[in-house]
mmCIF file of all heavy atoms, coordinates in Angstrom:
data_MODEL
# 
_entry.id   MODEL 
# 
loop_
_atom_site.group_PDB 
_atom_site.id 
_atom_site.type_symbol 
_atom_site.label_atom_id 
_atom_site.label_alt_id 
_atom_site.label_comp_id 
_atom_site.label_asym_id 
_atom_site.label_entity_id 
_atom_site.label_seq_id 
_atom_site.pdbx_PDB_ins_code 
_atom_site.Cartn_x 
_atom_site.Cartn_y 
_atom_site.Cartn_z 
_atom_site.occupancy 
_atom_site.B_iso_or_equiv 
_atom_site.pdbx_formal_charge 
_atom_site.auth_seq_id 
_atom_site.auth_comp_id 
_atom_site.auth_asym_id 
_atom_site.auth_atom_id 
_atom_site.pdbx_PDB_model_num 
ATOM 1   N N   . SER A 1 1  ? 118.016 130.032 87.238  1.00 0.00 ? 1  SER A N   1 
ATOM 2   C CA  . SER A 1 1  ? 117.967 129.019 88.288  1.00 0.00 ? 1  SER A CA  1 
ATOM 3   C C   . SER A 1 1  ? 116.604 128.345 88.279  1.00 0.00 ? 1  SER A C   1 
ATOM 4   O O   . SER A 1 1  ? 115.575 128.995 88.150  1.00 0.00 ? 1  SER A O   1 
ATOM 5   C CB  . SER A 1 1  ? 118.241 129.653 89.654  1.00 0.00 ? 1  SER A CB  1 
ATOM 6   O OG  . SER A 1 1  ? 117.228 130.585 89.963  1.00 0.00 ? 1  SER A OG  1 
ATOM 7   N N   . ALA A 1 2  ? 116.609 127.057 88.401  1.00 0.00 ? 2  ALA A N   1 
ATOM 8   C CA  . ALA A 1 2  ? 115.366 126.296 88.391  1.00 0.00 ? 2  ALA A CA  1 
ATOM 9   C C   . ALA A 1 2  ? 114.655 126.498 89.717  1.00 0.00 ? 2  ALA A C   1 
ATOM 10  O O   . ALA A 1 2  ? 115.243 126.336 90.770  1.00 0.00 ? 2  ALA A O   1 
ATOM 11  C CB  . ALA A 1 2  ? 115.663 124.823 88.162  1.00 0.00 ? 2  ALA A CB  1 
ATOM 12  N N   . GLN A 1 3  ? 113.397 126.877 89.635  1.00 0.00 ? 3  GLN A N   1 
ATOM 13  C CA  . GLN A 1 3  ? 112.597 127.065 90.835  1.00 0.00 ? 3  GLN A CA  1 
ATOM 14  C C   . GLN A 1 3  ? 111.639 125.906 90.984  1.00 0.00 ? 3  GLN A C   1 
ATOM 15  O O   . GLN A 1 3  ? 111.055 125.446 90.012  1.00 0.00 ? 3  GLN A O   1 
ATOM 16  C CB  . GLN A 1 3  ? 111.799 128.357 90.763  1.00 0.00 ? 3  GLN A CB  1 
ATOM 17  C CG  . GLN A 1 3  ? 112.629 129.589 90.873  1.00 0.00 ? 3  GLN A CG  1 
ATOM 18  C CD  . GLN A 1 3  ? 111.749 130.826 90.856  1.00 0.00 ? 3  GLN A CD  1 
ATOM 19  O OE1 . GLN A 1 3  ? 110.576 130.773 90.515  1.00 0.00 ? 3  GLN A OE1 1 
ATOM 20  N NE2 . GLN A 1 3  ? 112.327 131.944 91.224  1.00 0.00 ? 3  GLN A NE2 1 
ATOM 21  N N   . ALA A 1 4  ? 111.485 125.477 92.209  1.00 0.00 ? 4  ALA A N   1 
ATOM 22  C CA  . ALA A 1 4  ? 110.536 124.416 92.498  1.00 0.00 ? 4  ALA A CA  1 
ATOM 23  C C   . ALA A 1 4  ? 109.116 124.983 92.452  1.00 0.00 ? 4  ALA A C   1 
ATOM 24  O O   . ALA A 1 4  ? 108.895 126.177 92.638  1.00 0.00 ? 4  ALA A O   1 
ATOM 25  C CB  . ALA A 1 4  ? 110.820 123.819 93.870  1.00 0.00 ? 4  ALA A CB  1 
ATOM 26  N N   . ASP A 1 5  ? 108.167 124.114 92.200  1.00 0.00 ? 5  ASP A N   1 
ATOM 27  C CA  . ASP A 1 5  ? 106.757 124.479 92.166  1.00 0.00 ? 5  ASP A CA  1 
ATOM 28  C C   . ASP A 1 5  ? 106.162 124.284 93.555  1.00 0.00 ? 5  ASP A C   1 
ATOM 29  O O   . ASP A 1 5  ? 106.045 123.165 94.039  1.00 0.00 ? 5  ASP A O   1 
ATOM 30  C CB  . ASP A 1 5  ? 106.036 123.595 91.145  1.00 0.00 ? 5  ASP A CB  1 
ATOM 31  C CG  . ASP A 1 5  ? 104.550 123.883 91.068  1.00 0.00 ? 5  ASP A CG  1 
ATOM 32  O OD1 . ASP A 1 5  ? 104.111 124.955 91.539  1.00 0.00 ? 5  ASP A OD1 1 
ATOM 33  O OD2 . ASP A 1 5  ? 103.816 123.027 90.548  1.00 0.00 ? 5  ASP A OD2 1 
ATOM 34  N N   . PHE A 1 6  ? 105.794 125.382 94.198  1.00 0.00 ? 6  PHE A N   1 
ATOM 35  C CA  . PHE A 1 6  ? 105.194 125.335 95.528  1.00 0.00 ? 6  PHE A CA  1 
ATOM 36  C C   . PHE A 1 6  ? 103.684 125.539 95.482  1.00 0.00 ? 6  PHE A C   1 
ATOM 37  O O   . PHE A 1 6  ? 103.013 125.387 96.489  1.00 0.00 ? 6  PHE A O   1 
ATOM 38  C CB  . PHE A 1 6  ? 105.824 126.408 96.427  1.00 0.00 ? 6  PHE A CB  1 
ATOM 39  C CG  . PHE A 1 6  ? 107.220 126.085 96.857  1.00 0.00 ? 6  PHE A CG  1 
ATOM 40  C CD1 . PHE A 1 6  ? 108.300 126.434 96.065  1.00 0.00 ? 6  PHE A CD1 1 
ATOM 41  C CD2 . PHE A 1 6  ? 107.467 125.419 98.043  1.00 0.00 ? 6  PHE A CD2 1 
ATOM 42  C CE1 . PHE A 1 6  ? 109.597 126.138 96.454  1.00 0.00 ? 6  PHE A CE1 1 
ATOM 43  C CE2 . PHE A 1 6  ? 108.752 125.120 98.434  1.00 0.00 ? 6  PHE A CE2 1 
ATOM 44  C CZ  . PHE A 1 6  ? 109.820 125.479 97.647  1.00 0.00 ? 6  PHE A CZ  1 
ATOM 45  N N   . ALA A 1 7  ? 103.140 125.898 94.328  1.00 0.00 ? 7  ALA A N   1 
ATOM 46  C CA  . ALA A 1 7  ? 101.716 126.200 94.217  1.00 0.00 ? 7  ALA A CA  1 
ATOM 47  C C   . ALA A 1 7  ? 100.881 124.954 94.489  1.00 0.00 ? 7  ALA A C   1 
ATOM 48  O O   . ALA A 1 7  ? 101.240 123.854 94.097  1.00 0.00 ? 7  ALA A O   1 
ATOM 49  C CB  . ALA A 1 7  ? 101.402 126.744 92.826  1.00 0.00 ? 7  ALA A CB  1 
ATOM 50  N N   . GLY A 1 8  ? 99.771  125.169 95.186  1.00 0.00 ? 8  GLY A N   1 
ATOM 51  C CA  . GLY A 1 8  ? 98.849  124.069 95.455  1.00 0.00 ? 8  GLY A CA  1 
ATOM 52  C C   . GLY A 1 8  ? 98.512  123.976 96.929  1.00 0.00 ? 8  GLY A C   1 
ATOM 53  O O   . GLY A 1 8  ? 98.824  124.867 97.721  1.00 0.00 ? 8  GLY A O   1 
ATOM 54  N N   . THR A 1 9  ? 97.873  122.881 97.266  1.00 0.00 ? 9  THR A N   1 
ATOM 55  C CA  . THR A 1 9  ? 97.457  122.636 98.643  1.00 0.00 ? 9  THR A CA  1 
ATOM 56  C C   . THR A 1 9  ? 98.280  121.498 99.213  1.00 0.00 ? 9  THR A C   1 
ATOM 57  O O   . THR A 1 9  ? 98.407  120.436 98.583  1.00 0.00 ? 9  THR A O   1 
ATOM 58  C CB  . THR A 1 9  ? 95.949  122.302 98.696  1.00 0.00 ? 9  THR A CB  1 
ATOM 59  O OG1 . THR A 1 9  ? 95.224  123.414 98.145  1.00 0.00 ? 9  THR A OG1 1 
ATOM 60  C CG2 . THR A 1 9  ? 95.483  122.058 100.110 1.00 0.00 ? 9  THR A CG2 1 
ATOM 61  N N   . TRP A 1 10 ? 98.834  121.720 100.390 1.00 0.00 ? 10 TRP A N   1 
ATOM 62  C CA  . TRP A 1 10 ? 99.720  120.776 101.073 1.00 0.00 ? 10 TRP A CA  1 
ATOM 63  C C   . TRP A 1 10 ? 99.157  120.521 102.465 1.00 0.00 ? 10 TRP A C   1 
ATOM 64  O O   . TRP A 1 10 ? 98.655  121.436 103.114 1.00 0.00 ? 10 TRP A O   1 
ATOM 65  C CB  . TRP A 1 10 ? 101.116 121.382 101.204 1.00 0.00 ? 10 TRP A CB  1 
ATOM 66  C CG  . TRP A 1 10 ? 101.705 121.822 99.911  1.00 0.00 ? 10 TRP A CG  1 
ATOM 67  C CD1 . TRP A 1 10 ? 101.513 123.029 99.280  1.00 0.00 ? 10 TRP A CD1 1 
ATOM 68  C CD2 . TRP A 1 10 ? 102.580 121.086 99.067  1.00 0.00 ? 10 TRP A CD2 1 
ATOM 69  N NE1 . TRP A 1 10 ? 102.215 123.073 98.108  1.00 0.00 ? 10 TRP A NE1 1 
ATOM 70  C CE2 . TRP A 1 10 ? 102.888 121.895 97.958  1.00 0.00 ? 10 TRP A CE2 1 
ATOM 71  C CE3 . TRP A 1 10 ? 103.151 119.817 99.152  1.00 0.00 ? 10 TRP A CE3 1 
ATOM 72  C CZ2 . TRP A 1 10 ? 103.727 121.473 96.938  1.00 0.00 ? 10 TRP A CZ2 1 
ATOM 73  C CZ3 . TRP A 1 10 ? 103.990 119.403 98.146  1.00 0.00 ? 10 TRP A CZ3 1 
ATOM 74  C CH2 . TRP A 1 10 ? 104.275 120.218 97.055  1.00 0.00 ? 10 TRP A CH2 1 
ATOM 75  N N   . SER A 1 11 ? 99.239  119.266 102.943 1.00 0.00 ? 11 SER A N   1 
ATOM 76  C CA  . SER A 1 11 ? 98.631  118.989 104.248 1.00 0.00 ? 11 SER A CA  1 
ATOM 77  C C   . SER A 1 11 ? 99.310  117.835 104.976 1.00 0.00 ? 11 SER A C   1 
ATOM 78  O O   . SER A 1 11 ? 100.028 117.028 104.380 1.00 0.00 ? 11 SER A O   1 
ATOM 79  C CB  . SER A 1 11 ? 97.142  118.667 104.069 1.00 0.00 ? 11 SER A CB  1 
ATOM 80  O OG  . SER A 1 11 ? 96.986  117.496 103.296 1.00 0.00 ? 11 SER A OG  1 
ATOM 81  N N   . VAL A 1 12 ? 99.049  117.808 106.267 1.00 0.00 ? 12 VAL A N   1 
ATOM 82  C CA  . VAL A 1 12 ? 99.451  116.700 107.124 1.00 0.00 ? 12 VAL A CA  1 
ATOM 83  C C   . VAL A 1 12 ? 98.282  116.438 108.079 1.00 0.00 ? 12 VAL A C   1 
ATOM 84  O O   . VAL A 1 12 ? 97.569  117.374 108.469 1.00 0.00 ? 12 VAL A O   1 
ATOM 85  C CB  . VAL A 1 12 ? 100.752 117.015 107.908 1.00 0.00 ? 12 VAL A CB  1 
ATOM 86  C CG1 . VAL A 1 12 ? 100.571 118.192 108.849 1.00 0.00 ? 12 VAL A CG1 1 
ATOM 87  C CG2 . VAL A 1 12 ? 101.253 115.790 108.659 1.00 0.00 ? 12 VAL A CG2 1 
ATOM 88  N N   . GLU A 1 13 ? 98.074  115.182 108.412 1.00 0.00 ? 13 GLU A N   1 
ATOM 89  C CA  . GLU A 1 13 ? 96.985  114.802 109.299 1.00 0.00 ? 13 GLU A CA  1 
ATOM 90  C C   . GLU A 1 13 ? 97.562  114.422 110.658 1.00 0.00 ? 13 GLU A C   1 
ATOM 91  O O   . GLU A 1 13 ? 98.588  113.742 110.728 1.00 0.00 ? 13 GLU A O   1 
ATOM 92  C CB  . GLU A 1 13 ? 96.224  113.614 108.690 1.00 0.00 ? 13 GLU A CB  1 
ATOM 93  C CG  . GLU A 1 13 ? 94.945  113.288 109.396 1.00 0.00 ? 13 GLU A CG  1 
ATOM 94  C CD  . GLU A 1 13 ? 94.178  112.202 108.662 1.00 0.00 ? 13 GLU A CD  1 
ATOM 95  O OE1 . GLU A 1 13 ? 94.706  111.076 108.531 1.00 0.00 ? 13 GLU A OE1 1 
ATOM 96  O OE2 . GLU A 1 13 ? 93.052  112.484 108.215 1.00 0.00 ? 13 GLU A OE2 1 
ATOM 97  N N   . TRP A 1 14 ? 96.911  114.885 111.736 1.00 0.00 ? 14 TRP A N   1 
ATOM 98  C CA  . TRP A 1 14 ? 97.316  114.554 113.096 1.00 0.00 ? 14 TRP A CA  1 
ATOM 99  C C   . TRP A 1 14 ? 96.194  113.749 113.744 1.00 0.00 ? 14 TRP A C   1 
ATOM 100 O O   . TRP A 1 14 ? 95.087  114.242 113.930 1.00 0.00 ? 14 TRP A O   1 
ATOM 101 C CB  . TRP A 1 14 ? 97.561  115.812 113.919 1.00 0.00 ? 14 TRP A CB  1 
ATOM 102 C CG  . TRP A 1 14 ? 98.643  116.704 113.390 1.00 0.00 ? 14 TRP A CG  1 
ATOM 103 C CD1 . TRP A 1 14 ? 99.800  116.337 112.783 1.00 0.00 ? 14 TRP A CD1 1 
ATOM 104 C CD2 . TRP A 1 14 ? 98.663  118.134 113.441 1.00 0.00 ? 14 TRP A CD2 1 
ATOM 105 N NE1 . TRP A 1 14 ? 100.547 117.436 112.462 1.00 0.00 ? 14 TRP A NE1 1 
ATOM 106 C CE2 . TRP A 1 14 ? 99.877  118.559 112.849 1.00 0.00 ? 14 TRP A CE2 1 
ATOM 107 C CE3 . TRP A 1 14 ? 97.787  119.108 113.927 1.00 0.00 ? 14 TRP A CE3 1 
ATOM 108 C CZ2 . TRP A 1 14 ? 100.235 119.906 112.747 1.00 0.00 ? 14 TRP A CZ2 1 
ATOM 109 C CZ3 . TRP A 1 14 ? 98.147  120.446 113.818 1.00 0.00 ? 14 TRP A CZ3 1 
ATOM 110 C CH2 . TRP A 1 14 ? 99.353  120.826 113.242 1.00 0.00 ? 14 TRP A CH2 1 
ATOM 111 N N   . CYS A 1 15 ? 96.487  112.501 114.088 1.00 0.00 ? 15 CYS A N   1 
ATOM 112 C CA  . CYS A 1 15 ? 95.494  111.630 114.724 1.00 0.00 ? 15 CYS A CA  1 
ATOM 113 C C   . CYS A 1 15 ? 96.023  111.157 116.080 1.00 0.00 ? 15 CYS A C   1 
ATOM 114 O O   . CYS A 1 15 ? 97.230  111.089 116.300 1.00 0.00 ? 15 CYS A O   1 
ATOM 115 C CB  . CYS A 1 15 ? 95.198  110.422 113.837 1.00 0.00 ? 15 CYS A CB  1 
ATOM 116 S SG  . CYS A 1 15 ? 94.519  110.862 112.227 1.00 0.00 ? 15 CYS A SG  1 
ATOM 117 N N   . SER A 1 16 ? 95.126  110.784 116.958 1.00 0.00 ? 16 SER A N   1 
ATOM 118 C CA  . SER A 1 16 ? 95.503  110.294 118.278 1.00 0.00 ? 16 SER A CA  1 
ATOM 119 C C   . SER A 1 16 ? 95.842  108.804 118.194 1.00 0.00 ? 16 SER A C   1 
ATOM 120 O O   . SER A 1 16 ? 95.017  108.000 117.755 1.00 0.00 ? 16 SER A O   1 
ATOM 121 C CB  . SER A 1 16 ? 94.360  110.500 119.268 1.00 0.00 ? 16 SER A CB  1 
ATOM 122 O OG  . SER A 1 16 ? 94.662  109.867 120.496 1.00 0.00 ? 16 SER A OG  1 
ATOM 123 N N   . LYS A 1 17 ? 97.049  108.460 118.615 1.00 0.00 ? 17 LYS A N   1 
ATOM 124 C CA  . LYS A 1 17 ? 97.429  107.043 118.661 1.00 0.00 ? 17 LYS A CA  1 
ATOM 125 C C   . LYS A 1 17 ? 96.763  106.351 119.845 1.00 0.00 ? 17 LYS A C   1 
ATOM 126 O O   . LYS A 1 17 ? 96.459  105.169 119.791 1.00 0.00 ? 17 LYS A O   1 
ATOM 127 C CB  . LYS A 1 17 ? 98.949  106.912 118.761 1.00 0.00 ? 17 LYS A CB  1 
ATOM 128 C CG  . LYS A 1 17 ? 99.658  107.404 117.524 1.00 0.00 ? 17 LYS A CG  1 
ATOM 129 C CD  . LYS A 1 17 ? 101.160 107.327 117.678 1.00 0.00 ? 17 LYS A CD  1 
ATOM 130 C CE  . LYS A 1 17 ? 101.811 107.906 116.436 1.00 0.00 ? 17 LYS A CE  1 
ATOM 131 N NZ  . LYS A 1 17 ? 103.238 108.079 116.575 1.00 0.00 ? 17 LYS A NZ  1 
ATOM 132 N N   . ASN A 1 18 ? 96.524  107.109 120.918 1.00 0.00 ? 18 ASN A N   1 
ATOM 133 C CA  . ASN A 1 18 ? 95.916  106.543 122.120 1.00 0.00 ? 18 ASN A CA  1 
ATOM 134 C C   . ASN A 1 18 ? 94.417  106.360 121.995 1.00 0.00 ? 18 ASN A C   1 
ATOM 135 O O   . ASN A 1 18 ? 93.839  105.490 122.643 1.00 0.00 ? 18 ASN A O   1 
ATOM 136 C CB  . ASN A 1 18 ? 96.221  107.416 123.339 1.00 0.00 ? 18 ASN A CB  1 
ATOM 137 C CG  . ASN A 1 18 ? 97.700  107.490 123.617 1.00 0.00 ? 18 ASN A CG  1 
ATOM 138 O OD1 . ASN A 1 18 ? 98.453  106.568 123.298 1.00 0.00 ? 18 ASN A OD1 1 
ATOM 139 N ND2 . ASN A 1 18 ? 98.129  108.599 124.208 1.00 0.00 ? 18 ASN A ND2 1 
ATOM 140 N N   . ASN A 1 19 ? 93.777  107.203 121.201 1.00 0.00 ? 19 ASN A N   1 
ATOM 141 C CA  . ASN A 1 19 ? 92.334  107.120 121.041 1.00 0.00 ? 19 ASN A CA  1 
ATOM 142 C C   . ASN A 1 19 ? 91.972  107.346 119.570 1.00 0.00 ? 19 ASN A C   1 
ATOM 143 O O   . ASN A 1 19 ? 91.583  108.448 119.180 1.00 0.00 ? 19 ASN A O   1 
ATOM 144 C CB  . ASN A 1 19 ? 91.628  108.139 121.947 1.00 0.00 ? 19 ASN A CB  1 
ATOM 145 C CG  . ASN A 1 19 ? 90.138  107.906 122.012 1.00 0.00 ? 19 ASN A CG  1 
ATOM 146 O OD1 . ASN A 1 19 ? 89.570  107.140 121.229 1.00 0.00 ? 19 ASN A OD1 1 
ATOM 147 N ND2 . ASN A 1 19 ? 89.476  108.581 122.942 1.00 0.00 ? 19 ASN A ND2 1 
ATOM 148 N N   . PRO A 1 20 ? 92.071  106.282 118.759 1.00 0.00 ? 20 PRO A N   1 
ATOM 149 C CA  . PRO A 1 20 ? 91.815  106.435 117.322 1.00 0.00 ? 20 PRO A CA  1 
ATOM 150 C C   . PRO A 1 20 ? 90.370  106.786 116.980 1.00 0.00 ? 20 PRO A C   1 
ATOM 151 O O   . PRO A 1 20 ? 90.076  107.112 115.829 1.00 0.00 ? 20 PRO A O   1 
ATOM 152 C CB  . PRO A 1 20 ? 92.207  105.077 116.743 1.00 0.00 ? 20 PRO A CB  1 
ATOM 153 C CG  . PRO A 1 20 ? 92.287  104.136 117.876 1.00 0.00 ? 20 PRO A CG  1 
ATOM 154 C CD  . PRO A 1 20 ? 92.473  104.934 119.124 1.00 0.00 ? 20 PRO A CD  1 
ATOM 155 N N   . ASN A 1 21 ? 89.447  106.739 117.953 1.00 0.00 ? 21 ASN A N   1 
ATOM 156 C CA  . ASN A 1 21 ? 88.057  107.110 117.689 1.00 0.00 ? 21 ASN A CA  1 
ATOM 157 C C   . ASN A 1 21 ? 87.863  108.622 117.607 1.00 0.00 ? 21 ASN A C   1 
ATOM 158 O O   . ASN A 1 21 ? 86.834  109.083 117.128 1.00 0.00 ? 21 ASN A O   1 
ATOM 159 C CB  . ASN A 1 21 ? 87.140  106.538 118.771 1.00 0.00 ? 21 ASN A CB  1 
ATOM 160 C CG  . ASN A 1 21 ? 87.098  105.023 118.703 1.00 0.00 ? 21 ASN A CG  1 
ATOM 161 O OD1 . ASN A 1 21 ? 87.218  104.435 117.626 1.00 0.00 ? 21 ASN A OD1 1 
ATOM 162 N ND2 . ASN A 1 21 ? 86.956  104.384 119.849 1.00 0.00 ? 21 ASN A ND2 1 
ATOM 163 N N   . LEU A 1 22 ? 88.848  109.390 118.089 1.00 0.00 ? 22 LEU A N   1 
ATOM 164 C CA  . LEU A 1 22 ? 88.739  110.844 118.021 1.00 0.00 ? 22 LEU A CA  1 
ATOM 165 C C   . LEU A 1 22 ? 88.941  111.316 116.581 1.00 0.00 ? 22 LEU A C   1 
ATOM 166 O O   . LEU A 1 22 ? 89.689  110.713 115.823 1.00 0.00 ? 22 LEU A O   1 
ATOM 167 C CB  . LEU A 1 22 ? 89.793  111.499 118.918 1.00 0.00 ? 22 LEU A CB  1 
ATOM 168 C CG  . LEU A 1 22 ? 89.667  111.254 120.421 1.00 0.00 ? 22 LEU A CG  1 
ATOM 169 C CD1 . LEU A 1 22 ? 90.835  111.901 121.157 1.00 0.00 ? 22 LEU A CD1 1 
ATOM 170 C CD2 . LEU A 1 22 ? 88.336  111.803 120.936 1.00 0.00 ? 22 LEU A CD2 1 
ATOM 171 N N   . ASP A 1 23 ? 88.284  112.413 116.235 1.00 0.00 ? 23 ASP A N   1 
ATOM 172 C CA  . ASP A 1 23 ? 88.492  113.013 114.913 1.00 0.00 ? 23 ASP A CA  1 
ATOM 173 C C   . ASP A 1 23 ? 89.940  113.461 114.788 1.00 0.00 ? 23 ASP A C   1 
ATOM 174 O O   . ASP A 1 23 ? 90.522  113.994 115.739 1.00 0.00 ? 23 ASP A O   1 
ATOM 175 C CB  . ASP A 1 23 ? 87.583  114.232 114.717 1.00 0.00 ? 23 ASP A CB  1 
ATOM 176 C CG  . ASP A 1 23 ? 86.123  113.844 114.566 1.00 0.00 ? 23 ASP A CG  1 
ATOM 177 O OD1 . ASP A 1 23 ? 85.851  112.721 114.108 1.00 0.00 ? 23 ASP A OD1 1 
ATOM 178 O OD2 . ASP A 1 23 ? 85.259  114.677 114.915 1.00 0.00 ? 23 ASP A OD2 1 
ATOM 179 N N   . CYS A 1 24 ? 90.509  113.241 113.625 1.00 0.00 ? 24 CYS A N   1 
ATOM 180 C CA  . CYS A 1 24 ? 91.876  113.692 113.373 1.00 0.00 ? 24 CYS A CA  1 
ATOM 181 C C   . CYS A 1 24 ? 91.881  115.198 113.168 1.00 0.00 ? 24 CYS A C   1 
ATOM 182 O O   . CYS A 1 24 ? 90.921  115.785 112.687 1.00 0.00 ? 24 CYS A O   1 
ATOM 183 C CB  . CYS A 1 24 ? 92.451  113.017 112.129 1.00 0.00 ? 24 CYS A CB  1 
ATOM 184 S SG  . CYS A 1 24 ? 92.719  111.245 112.341 1.00 0.00 ? 24 CYS A SG  1 
ATOM 185 N N   . GLY A 1 25 ? 92.983  115.794 113.530 1.00 0.00 ? 25 GLY A N   1 
ATOM 186 C CA  . GLY A 1 25 ? 93.224  117.197 113.237 1.00 0.00 ? 25 GLY A CA  1 
ATOM 187 C C   . GLY A 1 25 ? 94.216  117.262 112.095 1.00 0.00 ? 25 GLY A C   1 
ATOM 188 O O   . GLY A 1 25 ? 94.481  116.266 111.429 1.00 0.00 ? 25 GLY A O   1 
# 
């Protein structure tokens, strides 16, 4: 069975829509 490659670094950025001057998480 073919396995997907999950190795590596994966991310999502969370930013404030109401206050874009804040640092994103």
